[in-house]
Protein backbone atom coordinates (compact mmCIF):
# COMPACT_ATOMS: atom_id res chain seq x y z
CA MET A 1 -65.63 201.24 158.96
CA SER A 2 -67.17 202.65 161.61
CA TYR A 3 -65.01 205.29 163.59
CA ASP A 4 -64.87 202.86 166.64
CA GLN A 5 -62.81 200.38 164.11
CA ALA A 6 -60.71 203.10 162.91
CA ILE A 7 -59.59 203.85 166.07
CA GLU A 8 -59.09 200.54 167.24
CA ARG A 9 -56.61 199.75 163.93
CA LEU A 10 -54.91 202.82 164.75
CA GLU A 11 -53.94 201.81 167.72
CA GLN A 12 -52.96 198.48 166.64
CA ILE A 13 -50.41 200.37 164.18
CA VAL A 14 -49.18 202.41 167.10
CA LYS A 15 -48.21 199.43 168.91
CA LYS A 16 -46.62 197.44 165.79
CA MET A 17 -44.44 201.04 165.15
CA GLU A 18 -43.38 201.08 168.58
CA GLN A 19 -41.52 197.72 167.84
CA PRO A 20 -39.84 198.59 164.39
CA ASP A 21 -37.76 195.34 164.77
CA ILE A 22 -40.96 193.41 164.09
CA ILE A 23 -42.00 195.17 161.14
CA PRO A 24 -39.85 194.78 157.79
CA MET A 25 -39.44 197.87 156.31
CA ASP A 26 -41.25 197.51 153.12
CA ASP A 27 -44.40 196.68 155.21
CA TYR A 28 -43.44 199.82 157.49
CA THR A 29 -44.16 202.05 154.75
CA LYS A 30 -47.76 200.31 153.70
CA ILE A 31 -48.53 200.85 157.51
CA ALA A 32 -47.66 204.29 157.57
CA ARG A 33 -49.76 205.20 154.64
CA GLU A 34 -52.94 203.01 156.27
CA ALA A 35 -52.40 205.00 159.92
CA THR A 36 -52.60 208.57 157.44
CA GLU A 37 -55.55 207.26 156.03
CA LEU A 38 -57.26 206.25 158.94
CA ILE A 39 -56.51 209.12 160.26
CA ALA A 40 -58.00 211.02 157.66
CA PHE A 41 -61.12 208.98 157.94
CA CYS A 42 -61.33 209.91 161.73
CA GLN A 43 -60.88 213.92 160.98
CA LYS A 44 -63.81 213.58 158.30
CA HIS A 45 -65.48 212.12 160.71
CA LEU A 46 -64.93 214.23 163.61
CA THR A 47 -65.75 217.11 161.28
CA THR A 48 -68.86 215.92 160.22
CA LEU A 49 -70.09 215.49 163.79
CA GLU A 50 -69.00 218.59 164.94
CA LYS A 51 -70.78 220.26 162.33
CA GLU A 52 -73.97 218.04 163.03
CA ILE A 53 -73.87 219.18 166.54
CA ASN A 54 -73.70 222.86 166.20
CA ASP A 55 -76.64 222.76 163.42
CA THR A 56 -78.44 221.23 166.17
CA LEU A 57 -77.25 223.58 168.55
CA ALA A 58 -78.14 226.80 166.30
CA GLU A 59 -81.81 225.44 165.70
CA GLU A 60 -82.50 225.71 169.45
C-alpha cells in the first residue's frame, strides 16, 4: 500500500466515523483498529522520508 492509498483510506474511514448511526458497533471497533494501523503506517513513511531528506541535505 502506498502512502497516498493509506491517506485515501483514512479519509474514507473518517467519513464513516462521522456518521456513527451507519456503522454497527462491532464494525466500529474494527474500523478504528484499521485507522490506527494506517496512521502508524503513514507516520513511519513520513519519518523515513524525513530521514532521507535530512541525509540528502547533509551530503550537500
